[in-house]
PDB file of N, CA and C in Angstrom:
ATOM      1  N   MET A   1       0.817  -1.203   0.000  1.00  0.00           N
ATOM      2  CA  MET A   1       0.000   0.000   0.000  1.00  0.00           C
ATOM      3  C   MET A   1       0.857   1.262   0.000  1.00  0.00           C
ATOM      4  N   LEU A   2       1.889   1.302   0.877  1.00  0.00           N
ATOM      5  CA  LEU A   2       2.729   2.489   0.960  1.00  0.00           C
ATOM      6  C   LEU A   2       3.472   2.769  -0.335  1.00  0.00           C
ATOM      7  N   LYS A   3       3.869   1.714  -1.032  1.00  0.00           N
ATOM      8  CA  LYS A   3       4.601   1.943  -2.282  1.00  0.00           C
ATOM      9  C   LYS A   3       3.695   2.536  -3.364  1.00  0.00           C
ATOM     10  N   ASN A   4       2.382   2.415  -3.205  1.00  0.00           N
ATOM     11  CA  ASN A   4       1.437   2.983  -4.167  1.00  0.00           C
ATOM     12  C   ASN A   4       1.086   4.437  -3.877  1.00  0.00           C
ATOM     13  N   LEU A   5       1.515   4.957  -2.731  1.00  0.00           N
ATOM     14  CA  LEU A   5       1.145   6.326  -2.366  1.00  0.00           C
ATOM     15  C   LEU A   5       1.564   7.369  -3.395  1.00  0.00           C
ATOM     16  N   PRO A   6       2.793   7.335  -3.915  1.00  0.00           N
ATOM     17  CA  PRO A   6       3.137   8.332  -4.933  1.00  0.00           C
ATOM     18  C   PRO A   6       2.210   8.259  -6.153  1.00  0.00           C
ATOM     19  N   LYS A   7       1.899   7.054  -6.568  1.00  0.00           N
ATOM     20  CA  LYS A   7       1.002   6.876  -7.730  1.00  0.00           C
ATOM     21  C   LYS A   7      -0.390   7.439  -7.421  1.00  0.00           C
ATOM     22  N   ILE A   8      -0.884   7.163  -6.230  1.00  0.00           N
ATOM     23  CA  ILE A   8      -2.200   7.669  -5.830  1.00  0.00           C
ATOM     24  C   ILE A   8      -2.204   9.195  -5.811  1.00  0.00           C
ATOM     25  N   HIS A   9      -1.155   9.777  -5.231  1.00  0.00           N
ATOM     26  CA  HIS A   9      -1.089  11.242  -5.161  1.00  0.00           C
ATOM     27  C   HIS A   9      -0.882  11.868  -6.538  1.00  0.00           C
ATOM     28  N   ASN A  10      -0.128  11.201  -7.404  1.00  0.00           N
ATOM     29  CA  ASN A  10       0.001  11.695  -8.776  1.00  0.00           C
ATOM     30  C   ASN A  10      -1.342  11.677  -9.485  1.00  0.00           C
ATOM     31  N   SER A  11      -2.100  10.634  -9.254  1.00  0.00           N
ATOM     32  CA  SER A  11      -3.442  10.528  -9.844  1.00  0.00           C
ATOM     33  C   SER A  11      -4.354  11.643  -9.358  1.00  0.00           C
ATOM     34  N   LEU A  12      -4.310  11.879  -8.062  1.00  0.00           N
ATOM     35  CA  LEU A  12      -5.125  12.959  -7.491  1.00  0.00           C
ATOM     36  C   LEU A  12      -4.687  14.319  -8.037  1.00  0.00           C
ATOM     37  N   ALA A  13      -3.389  14.529  -8.143  1.00  0.00           N
ATOM     38  CA  ALA A  13      -2.881  15.791  -8.683  1.00  0.00           C
ATOM     39  C   ALA A  13      -3.378  15.997 -10.109  1.00  0.00           C
ATOM     40  N   LYS A  14      -3.320  14.957 -10.907  1.00  0.00           N
ATOM     41  CA  LYS A  14      -3.800  15.033 -12.298  1.00  0.00           C
ATOM     42  C   LYS A  14      -5.291  15.355 -12.334  1.00  0.00           C
ATOM     43  N   HIS A  15      -6.041  14.730 -11.457  1.00  0.00           N
ATOM     44  CA  HIS A  15      -7.490  15.001 -11.368  1.00  0.00           C
ATOM     45  C   HIS A  15      -7.733  16.489 -11.098  1.00  0.00           C
ATOM     46  N   TYR A  16      -7.012  17.042 -10.119  1.00  0.00           N
ATOM     47  CA  TYR A  16      -7.200  18.458  -9.780  1.00  0.00           C
ATOM     48  C   TYR A  16      -6.707  19.379 -10.893  1.00  0.00           C
ATOM     49  N   GLU A  17      -5.652  18.995 -11.584  1.00  0.00           N
ATOM     50  CA  GLU A  17      -5.194  19.792 -12.725  1.00  0.00           C
ATOM     51  C   GLU A  17      -6.248  19.803 -13.832  1.00  0.00           C
ATOM     52  N   ASP A  18      -6.832  18.650 -14.093  1.00  0.00           N
ATOM     53  CA  ASP A  18      -7.882  18.567 -15.115  1.00  0.00           C
ATOM     54  C   ASP A  18      -9.087  19.416 -14.718  1.00  0.00           C
ATOM     55  N   ALA A  19      -9.444  19.377 -13.448  1.00  0.00           N
ATOM     56  CA  ALA A  19     -10.573  20.182 -12.964  1.00  0.00           C
ATOM     57  C   ALA A  19     -10.265  21.670 -13.122  1.00  0.00           C
ATOM     58  N   ALA A  20      -9.029  22.065 -12.827  1.00  0.00           N
ATOM     59  CA  ALA A  20      -8.633  23.469 -12.982  1.00  0.00           C
ATOM     60  C   ALA A  20      -8.730  23.900 -14.444  1.00  0.00           C
ATOM     61  N   LYS A  21      -8.302  23.034 -15.349  1.00  0.00           N
ATOM     62  CA  LYS A  21      -8.389  23.349 -16.779  1.00  0.00           C
ATOM     63  C   LYS A  21      -9.844  23.506 -17.219  1.00  0.00           C
ATOM     64  N   GLU A  22     -10.694  22.628 -16.722  1.00  0.00           N
ATOM     65  CA  GLU A  22     -12.121  22.713 -17.051  1.00  0.00           C
ATOM     66  C   GLU A  22     -12.721  24.012 -16.526  1.00  0.00           C
ATOM     67  N   MET A  23     -12.373  24.366 -15.300  1.00  0.00           N
ATOM     68  CA  MET A  23     -12.882  25.613 -14.717  1.00  0.00           C
ATOM     69  C   MET A  23     -12.349  26.825 -15.477  1.00  0.00           C
ATOM     70  N   GLN A  24     -11.086  26.764 -15.920  1.00  0.00           N
ATOM     71  CA  GLN A  24     -10.519  27.870 -16.687  1.00  0.00           C
ATOM     72  C   GLN A  24     -11.244  28.038 -18.021  1.00  0.00           C
ATOM     73  N   SER A  25     -11.651  26.934 -18.623  1.00  0.00           N
ATOM     74  CA  SER A  25     -12.399  27.047 -19.877  1.00  0.00           C
ATOM     75  C   SER A  25     -13.763  27.692 -19.625  1.00  0.00           C
ATOM     76  N   LYS A  26     -14.342  27.429 -18.457  1.00  0.00           N
ATOM     77  CA  LYS A  26     -15.611  28.077 -18.083  1.00  0.00           C
ATOM     78  C   LYS A  26     -15.398  29.581 -17.887  1.00  0.00           C
ATOM     79  N   VAL A  27     -14.255  29.953 -17.299  1.00  0.00           N
ATOM     80  CA  VAL A  27     -13.939  31.375 -17.140  1.00  0.00           C
ATOM     81  C   VAL A  27     -13.908  32.038 -18.511  1.00  0.00           C
ATOM     82  N   GLU A  28     -13.188  31.444 -19.442  1.00  0.00           N
ATOM     83  CA  GLU A  28     -13.060  32.024 -20.783  1.00  0.00           C
ATOM     84  C   GLU A  28     -14.415  32.098 -21.487  1.00  0.00           C
ATOM     85  N   GLU A  29     -15.202  31.050 -21.352  1.00  0.00           N
ATOM     86  CA  GLU A  29     -16.536  31.013 -21.959  1.00  0.00           C
ATOM     87  C   GLU A  29     -17.406  32.154 -21.423  1.00  0.00           C
ATOM     88  N   HIS A  30     -17.393  32.344 -20.120  1.00  0.00           N
ATOM     89  CA  HIS A  30     -18.239  33.386 -19.535  1.00  0.00           C
ATOM     90  C   HIS A  30     -17.693  34.790 -19.777  1.00  0.00           C
ATOM     91  N   LYS A  31     -16.387  34.921 -19.958  1.00  0.00           N
ATOM     92  CA  LYS A  31     -15.831  36.225 -20.329  1.00  0.00           C
ATOM     93  C   LYS A  31     -16.318  36.626 -21.724  1.00  0.00           C
ATOM     94  N   LYS A  32     -16.394  35.654 -22.622  1.00  0.00           N
ATOM     95  CA  LYS A  32     -16.912  35.931 -23.972  1.00  0.00           C
ATOM     96  C   LYS A  32     -18.380  36.315 -23.912  1.00  0.00           C
ATOM     97  N   MET A  33     -19.137  35.595 -23.086  1.00  0.00           N
ATOM     98  CA  MET A  33     -20.555  35.916 -22.932  1.00  0.00           C
ATOM     99  C   MET A  33     -20.726  37.314 -22.340  1.00  0.00           C
ATOM    100  N   LEU A  34     -19.910  37.642 -21.347  1.00  0.00           N
ATOM    101  CA  LEU A  34     -19.967  38.955 -20.712  1.00  0.00           C
ATOM    102  C   LEU A  34     -19.696  40.052 -21.735  1.00  0.00           C
ATOM    103  N   GLU A  35     -18.683  39.832 -22.557  1.00  0.00           N
ATOM    104  CA  GLU A  35     -18.357  40.811 -23.600  1.00  0.00           C
ATOM    105  C   GLU A  35     -19.537  40.985 -24.563  1.00  0.00           C
ATOM    106  N   LEU A  36     -20.176  39.892 -24.904  1.00  0.00           N
ATOM    107  CA  LEU A  36     -21.339  39.945 -25.784  1.00  0.00           C
ATOM    108  C   LEU A  36     -22.472  40.739 -25.149  1.00  0.00           C
ATOM    109  N   TYR A  37     -22.768  40.437 -23.886  1.00  0.00           N
ATOM    110  CA  TYR A  37     -23.845  41.153 -23.189  1.00  0.00           C
ATOM    111  C   TYR A  37     -23.533  42.636 -23.060  1.00  0.00           C
ATOM    112  N   GLU A  38     -22.275  42.957 -22.696  1.00  0.00           N
ATOM    113  CA  GLU A  38     -21.904  44.359 -22.492  1.00  0.00           C
ATOM    114  C   GLU A  38     -21.887  45.153 -23.795  1.00  0.00           C
ATOM    115  N   SER A  39     -21.594  44.496 -24.895  1.00  0.00           N
ATOM    116  CA  SER A  39     -21.535  45.213 -26.172  1.00  0.00           C
ATOM    117  C   SER A  39     -22.895  45.262 -26.884  1.00  0.00           C
ATOM    118  N   ASN A  40     -23.887  44.566 -26.333  1.00  0.00           N
ATOM    119  CA  ASN A  40     -25.213  44.534 -26.959  1.00  0.00           C
ATOM    120  C   ASN A  40     -26.328  44.801 -25.953  1.00  0.00           C
ATOM    121  N   ILE A  41     -26.091  45.748 -25.050  1.00  0.00           N
ATOM    122  CA  ILE A  41     -27.075  46.036 -23.997  1.00  0.00           C
ATOM    123  C   ILE A  41     -28.464  46.342 -24.568  1.00  0.00           C
ATOM    124  N   PRO A  42     -28.570  47.150 -25.626  1.00  0.00           N
ATOM    125  CA  PRO A  42     -29.916  47.432 -26.148  1.00  0.00           C
ATOM    126  C   PRO A  42     -30.661  46.167 -26.601  1.00  0.00           C
ATOM    127  N   HIS A  43     -29.915  45.218 -27.119  1.00  0.00           N
ATOM    128  CA  HIS A  43     -30.527  43.973 -27.587  1.00  0.00           C
ATOM    129  C   HIS A  43     -31.138  43.179 -26.428  1.00  0.00           C
ATOM    130  N   TYR A  44     -30.460  43.186 -25.288  1.00  0.00           N
ATOM    131  CA  TYR A  44     -30.930  42.406 -24.138  1.00  0.00           C
ATOM    132  C   TYR A  44     -31.872  43.186 -23.233  1.00  0.00           C
ATOM    133  N   GLY A  45     -31.977  44.475 -23.480  1.00  0.00           N
ATOM    134  CA  GLY A  45     -32.944  45.303 -22.787  1.00  0.00           C
ATOM    135  C   GLY A  45     -32.829  45.260 -21.274  1.00  0.00           C
ATOM    136  N   ILE A  46     -33.968  45.139 -20.644  1.00  0.00           N
ATOM    137  CA  ILE A  46     -34.048  45.185 -19.188  1.00  0.00           C
ATOM    138  C   ILE A  46     -33.313  44.015 -18.523  1.00  0.00           C
ATOM    139  N   GLN A  47     -33.092  42.942 -19.256  1.00  0.00           N
ATOM    140  CA  GLN A  47     -32.386  41.777 -18.705  1.00  0.00           C
ATOM    141  C   GLN A  47     -30.873  41.935 -18.720  1.00  0.00           C
ATOM    142  N   ALA A  48     -30.368  42.914 -19.453  1.00  0.00           N
ATOM    143  CA  ALA A  48     -28.914  43.084 -19.595  1.00  0.00           C
ATOM    144  C   ALA A  48     -28.183  43.182 -18.256  1.00  0.00           C
ATOM    145  N   PRO A  49     -28.623  44.043 -17.334  1.00  0.00           N
ATOM    146  CA  PRO A  49     -27.882  44.133 -16.060  1.00  0.00           C
ATOM    147  C   PRO A  49     -27.821  42.799 -15.305  1.00  0.00           C
ATOM    148  N   ALA A  50     -28.903  42.054 -15.318  1.00  0.00           N
ATOM    149  CA  ALA A  50     -28.922  40.760 -14.622  1.00  0.00           C
ATOM    150  C   ALA A  50     -27.989  39.762 -15.308  1.00  0.00           C
ATOM    151  N   LEU A  51     -27.985  39.748 -16.629  1.00  0.00           N
ATOM    152  CA  LEU A  51     -27.109  38.840 -17.374  1.00  0.00           C
ATOM    153  C   LEU A  51     -25.643  39.185 -17.127  1.00  0.00           C
ATOM    154  N   ILE A  52     -25.335  40.463 -17.137  1.00  0.00           N
ATOM    155  CA  ILE A  52     -23.966  40.922 -16.904  1.00  0.00           C
ATOM    156  C   ILE A  52     -23.525  40.563 -15.486  1.00  0.00           C
ATOM    157  N   SER A  53     -24.374  40.836 -14.527  1.00  0.00           N
ATOM    158  CA  SER A  53     -24.058  40.525 -13.126  1.00  0.00           C
ATOM    159  C   SER A  53     -23.855  39.025 -12.923  1.00  0.00           C
ATOM    160  N   HIS A  54     -24.715  38.238 -13.524  1.00  0.00           N
ATOM    161  CA  HIS A  54     -24.628  36.785 -13.398  1.00  0.00           C
ATOM    162  C   HIS A  54     -23.302  36.274 -13.983  1.00  0.00           C
ATOM    163  N   CYS A  55     -22.935  36.774 -15.152  1.00  0.00           N
ATOM    164  CA  CYS A  55     -21.665  36.357 -15.773  1.00  0.00           C
ATOM    165  C   CYS A  55     -20.482  36.740 -14.897  1.00  0.00           C
ATOM    166  N   LYS A  56     -20.489  37.950 -14.360  1.00  0.00           N
ATOM    167  CA  LYS A  56     -19.388  38.390 -13.503  1.00  0.00           C
ATOM    168  C   LYS A  56     -19.285  37.503 -12.266  1.00  0.00           C
ATOM    169  N   SER A  57     -20.416  37.149 -11.716  1.00  0.00           N
ATOM    170  CA  SER A  57     -20.428  36.282 -10.538  1.00  0.00           C
ATOM    171  C   SER A  57     -19.872  34.898 -10.864  1.00  0.00           C
ATOM    172  N   LEU A  58     -20.287  34.344 -11.986  1.00  0.00           N
ATOM    173  CA  LEU A  58     -19.784  33.034 -12.398  1.00  0.00           C
ATOM    174  C   LEU A  58     -18.285  33.073 -12.693  1.00  0.00           C
ATOM    175  N   ILE A  59     -17.831  34.131 -13.332  1.00  0.00           N
ATOM    176  CA  ILE A  59     -16.402  34.275 -13.621  1.00  0.00           C
ATOM    177  C   ILE A  59     -15.614  34.258 -12.321  1.00  0.00           C
ATOM    178  N   CYS A  60     -16.075  35.007 -11.340  1.00  0.00           N
ATOM    179  CA  CYS A  60     -15.398  35.054 -10.043  1.00  0.00           C
ATOM    180  C   CYS A  60     -15.377  33.672  -9.384  1.00  0.00           C
ATOM    181  N   SER A  61     -16.506  32.989  -9.400  1.00  0.00           N
ATOM    182  CA  SER A  61     -16.592  31.654  -8.794  1.00  0.00           C
ATOM    183  C   SER A  61     -15.677  30.663  -9.488  1.00  0.00           C
ATOM    184  N   TYR A  62     -15.673  30.683 -10.809  1.00  0.00           N
ATOM    185  CA  TYR A  62     -14.817  29.765 -11.558  1.00  0.00           C
ATOM    186  C   TYR A  62     -13.339  30.081 -11.348  1.00  0.00           C
ATOM    187  N   GLU A  63     -12.996  31.379 -11.253  1.00  0.00           N
ATOM    188  CA  GLU A  63     -11.603  31.744 -10.996  1.00  0.00           C
ATOM    189  C   GLU A  63     -11.151  31.243  -9.626  1.00  0.00           C
ATOM    190  N   GLN A  64     -12.034  31.321  -8.639  1.00  0.00           N
ATOM    191  CA  GLN A  64     -11.715  30.792  -7.315  1.00  0.00           C
ATOM    192  C   GLN A  64     -11.533  29.273  -7.377  1.00  0.00           C
ATOM    193  N   ALA A  65     -12.378  28.605  -8.157  1.00  0.00           N
ATOM    194  CA  ALA A  65     -12.265  27.154  -8.308  1.00  0.00           C
ATOM    195  C   ALA A  65     -10.953  26.769  -8.990  1.00  0.00           C
ATOM    196  N   VAL A  66     -10.524  27.565  -9.966  1.00  0.00           N
ATOM    197  CA  VAL A  66      -9.237  27.313 -10.631  1.00  0.00           C
ATOM    198  C   VAL A  66      -8.118  27.364  -9.597  1.00  0.00           C
ATOM    199  N   LYS A  67      -8.094  28.424  -8.801  1.00  0.00           N
ATOM    200  CA  LYS A  67      -7.044  28.581  -7.791  1.00  0.00           C
ATOM    201  C   LYS A  67      -7.074  27.434  -6.783  1.00  0.00           C
ATOM    202  N   ALA A  68      -8.256  27.053  -6.329  1.00  0.00           N
ATOM    203  CA  ALA A  68      -8.372  25.971  -5.346  1.00  0.00           C
ATOM    204  C   ALA A  68      -7.892  24.648  -5.928  1.00  0.00           C
ATOM    205  N   ASN A  69      -8.276  24.353  -7.152  1.00  0.00           N
ATOM    206  CA  ASN A  69      -7.859  23.101  -7.781  1.00  0.00           C
ATOM    207  C   ASN A  69      -6.359  23.065  -8.059  1.00  0.00           C
ATOM    208  N   ILE A  70      -5.797  24.189  -8.453  1.00  0.00           N
ATOM    209  CA  ILE A  70      -4.345  24.251  -8.661  1.00  0.00           C
ATOM    210  C   ILE A  70      -3.630  24.036  -7.330  1.00  0.00           C
ATOM    211  N   GLY A  71      -4.150  24.628  -6.274  1.00  0.00           N
ATOM    212  CA  GLY A  71      -3.561  24.432  -4.951  1.00  0.00           C
ATOM    213  C   GLY A  71      -3.591  22.979  -4.518  1.00  0.00           C
ATOM    214  N   MET A  72      -4.714  22.320  -4.742  1.00  0.00           N
ATOM    215  CA  MET A  72      -4.825  20.901  -4.394  1.00  0.00           C
ATOM    216  C   MET A  72      -3.877  20.060  -5.250  1.00  0.00           C
ATOM    217  N   ALA A  73      -3.796  20.367  -6.531  1.00  0.00           N
ATOM    218  CA  ALA A  73      -2.877  19.626  -7.410  1.00  0.00           C
ATOM    219  C   ALA A  73      -1.436  19.780  -6.923  1.00  0.00           C
ATOM    220  N   ASN A  74      -1.049  21.003  -6.614  1.00  0.00           N
ATOM    221  CA  ASN A  74       0.313  21.244  -6.139  1.00  0.00           C
ATOM    222  C   ASN A  74       0.591  20.502  -4.838  1.00  0.00           C
ATOM    223  N   SER A  75      -0.389  20.467  -3.950  1.00  0.00           N
ATOM    224  CA  SER A  75      -0.224  19.734  -2.686  1.00  0.00           C
ATOM    225  C   SER A  75       0.015  18.247  -2.943  1.00  0.00           C
ATOM    226  N   HIS A  76      -0.758  17.685  -3.841  1.00  0.00           N
ATOM    227  CA  HIS A  76      -0.610  16.249  -4.128  1.00  0.00           C
ATOM    228  C   HIS A  76       0.692  15.953  -4.871  1.00  0.00           C
ATOM    229  N   TRP A  77       1.140  16.868  -5.749  1.00  0.00           N
ATOM    230  CA  TRP A  77       2.436  16.680  -6.408  1.00  0.00           C
ATOM    231  C   TRP A  77       3.540  16.671  -5.347  1.00  0.00           C
ATOM    232  N   THR A  78       3.445  17.587  -4.390  1.00  0.00           N
ATOM    233  CA  THR A  78       4.444  17.672  -3.321  1.00  0.00           C
ATOM    234  C   THR A  78       4.453  16.400  -2.482  1.00  0.00           C
ATOM    235  N   ILE A  79       3.281  15.939  -2.102  1.00  0.00           N
ATOM    236  CA  ILE A  79       3.192  14.710  -1.299  1.00  0.00           C
ATOM    237  C   ILE A  79       3.770  13.525  -2.071  1.00  0.00           C
ATOM    238  N   ALA A  80       3.446  13.438  -3.347  1.00  0.00           N
ATOM    239  CA  ALA A  80       3.959  12.331  -4.169  1.00  0.00           C
ATOM    240  C   ALA A  80       5.488  12.352  -4.205  1.00  0.00           C
ATOM    241  N   ARG A  81       6.065  13.546  -4.400  1.00  0.00           N
ATOM    242  CA  ARG A  81       7.538  13.657  -4.423  1.00  0.00           C
ATOM    243  C   ARG A  81       8.126  13.263  -3.074  1.00  0.00           C
ATOM    244  N   GLU A  82       7.483  13.700  -1.988  1.00  0.00           N
ATOM    245  CA  GLU A  82       7.980  13.353  -0.655  1.00  0.00           C
ATOM    246  C   GLU A  82       7.917  11.848  -0.416  1.00  0.00           C
ATOM    247  N   LYS A  83       6.845  11.212  -0.859  1.00  0.00           N
ATOM    248  CA  LYS A  83       6.684   9.761  -0.659  1.00  0.00           C
ATOM    249  C   LYS A  83       7.722   8.981  -1.458  1.00  0.00           C
ATOM    250  N   LEU A  84       8.133   9.511  -2.595  1.00  0.00           N
ATOM    251  CA  LEU A  84       9.155   8.834  -3.399  1.00  0.00           C
ATOM    252  C   LEU A  84      10.511   8.839  -2.694  1.00  0.00           C
ATOM    253  N   ASN A  85      10.726   9.822  -1.844  1.00  0.00           N
ATOM    254  CA  ASN A  85      12.012   9.943  -1.132  1.00  0.00           C
ATOM    255  C   ASN A  85      12.055   9.166   0.168  1.00  0.00           C
ATOM    256  N   ILE A  86      10.936   8.561   0.575  1.00  0.00           N
ATOM    257  CA  ILE A  86      10.904   7.788   1.817  1.00  0.00           C
ATOM    258  C   ILE A  86      11.639   6.474   1.604  1.00  0.00           C
ATOM    259  N   LYS A  87      12.487   6.123   2.516  1.00  0.00           N
ATOM    260  CA  LYS A  87      13.247   4.862   2.423  1.00  0.00           C
ATOM    261  C   LYS A  87      12.568   3.783   3.224  1.00  0.00           C
TER     262      LYS A  87
END
């Protein structure tokens, strides 16, 4: 079991890296939507402020998720490296 710890932590790190990449793509997607809403306010009428606010909120949430997932990935990479050095 102990000899598998680096592999397990590498797997977890990869999982968190993949999650961070997915969240980053959501950030980019919502930034494009935000730009669309902000550049076409007359088209969206009374709903424009709500759409803009919602996109900004989602962007912030996804950016926080990116940071959290990167932090978790880095932690697991560190643990995996430490476990490889155990004699």
